[in-house]
Structures are given as C-alpha cells and as structure tokens.
Amino acid sequence: MNLVSNAAEAQPSGGKIIISTRNQYVDMPIKDYEEIEKGEFIDPGRFF
C-alpha cells in the first residue's frame, strides 16, 4: 500500500502504476537467504 501511495505522490500530473507479482517455489537454498525454508512464496516481480 505504501509503495502505491508514494508512487502516486511522485506523479502529480497523473500516470500509470503497474505492480506485478508471481508465485515462486523455493526448493533449494538461495545464497545469502539460507534461512528460507522450502515452499511457495510471492516473488515481488518488477515495478514499473
């Protein structure tokens, strides 16, 4: 919610805010994130 609010304030003349997400299944350790357990997570995707 805060992300959208900040983006809207940064566009006083209007514009388009697009946020995409996707499901990500983690089945092996990720470097520097070894404490994350195996399972389904939301990948924040990209912000435009």
C-alpha atoms as a PDB file:
ATOM      1  CA  MET A   1       0.000   0.000   0.000  1.00  0.00           C
ATOM      2  CA  ASN A   2       2.762   2.444   0.916  1.00  0.00           C
ATOM      3  CA  LEU A   3       4.535   1.717  -2.371  1.00  0.00           C
ATOM      4  CA  VAL A   4       1.456   2.744  -4.363  1.00  0.00           C
ATOM      5  CA  SER A   5       0.885   5.828  -2.216  1.00  0.00           C
ATOM      6  CA  ASN A   6       4.476   7.001  -2.725  1.00  0.00           C
ATOM      7  CA  ALA A   7       4.309   6.320  -6.471  1.00  0.00           C
ATOM      8  CA  ALA A   8       1.080   8.291  -6.785  1.00  0.00           C
ATOM      9  CA  GLU A   9       2.586  11.275  -4.942  1.00  0.00           C
ATOM     10  CA  ALA A  10       5.588  11.164  -7.295  1.00  0.00           C
ATOM     11  CA  GLN A  11       3.258  11.627 -10.286  1.00  0.00           C
ATOM     12  CA  PRO A  12       1.321  14.839  -9.570  1.00  0.00           C
ATOM     13  CA  SER A  13       0.212  15.087 -13.216  1.00  0.00           C
ATOM     14  CA  GLY A  14      -1.107  11.540 -13.212  1.00  0.00           C
ATOM     15  CA  GLY A  15       0.259   8.411 -14.764  1.00  0.00           C
ATOM     16  CA  LYS A  16       0.076   4.647 -14.574  1.00  0.00           C
ATOM     17  CA  ILE A  17       1.318   2.467 -11.713  1.00  0.00           C
ATOM     18  CA  ILE A  18       1.839  -1.188 -12.558  1.00  0.00           C
ATOM     19  CA  ILE A  19       2.928  -3.743  -9.956  1.00  0.00           C
ATOM     20  CA  SER A  20       3.379  -7.372 -10.947  1.00  0.00           C
ATOM     21  CA  THR A  21       3.922 -10.430  -8.774  1.00  0.00           C
ATOM     22  CA  ARG A  22       4.242 -14.151  -9.348  1.00  0.00           C
ATOM     23  CA  ASN A  23       4.321 -17.312  -7.280  1.00  0.00           C
ATOM     24  CA  GLN A  24       7.797 -18.718  -6.746  1.00  0.00           C
ATOM     25  CA  TYR A  25       8.525 -22.197  -5.409  1.00  0.00           C
ATOM     26  CA  VAL A  26      11.792 -22.438  -3.477  1.00  0.00           C
ATOM     27  CA  ASP A  27      13.180 -25.971  -3.381  1.00  0.00           C
ATOM     28  CA  MET A  28      16.872 -25.333  -2.698  1.00  0.00           C
ATOM     29  CA  PRO A  29      18.865 -22.825  -0.632  1.00  0.00           C
ATOM     30  CA  ILE A  30      19.378 -19.345  -2.074  1.00  0.00           C
ATOM     31  CA  LYS A  31      22.762 -17.713  -1.475  1.00  0.00           C
ATOM     32  CA  ASP A  32      22.566 -15.285   1.485  1.00  0.00           C
ATOM     33  CA  TYR A  33      18.970 -16.462   2.212  1.00  0.00           C
ATOM     34  CA  GLU A  34      19.679 -19.959   3.549  1.00  0.00           C
ATOM     35  CA  GLU A  35      17.199 -19.472   6.427  1.00  0.00           C
ATOM     36  CA  ILE A  36      14.256 -19.508   3.986  1.00  0.00           C
ATOM     37  CA  GLU A  37      12.548 -22.887   4.078  1.00  0.00           C
ATOM     38  CA  LYS A  38      11.316 -24.842   1.076  1.00  0.00           C
ATOM     39  CA  GLY A  39       7.848 -23.785  -0.108  1.00  0.00           C
ATOM     40  CA  GLU A  40       5.660 -21.335  -2.063  1.00  0.00           C
ATOM     41  CA  PHE A  41       6.413 -17.614  -1.878  1.00  0.00           C
ATOM     42  CA  ILE A  42       5.312 -14.428  -3.610  1.00  0.00           C
ATOM     43  CA  ASP A  43       8.056 -13.047  -5.836  1.00  0.00           C
ATOM     44  CA  PRO A  44       7.641  -9.263  -5.995  1.00  0.00           C
ATOM     45  CA  GLY A  45       8.360  -9.338  -9.706  1.00  0.00           C
ATOM     46  CA  ARG A  46       9.064  -5.945 -11.262  1.00  0.00           C
ATOM     47  CA  PHE A  47       7.823  -2.466 -10.556  1.00  0.00           C
ATOM     48  CA  PHE A  48       7.162  -0.141 -13.472  1.00  0.00           C
END
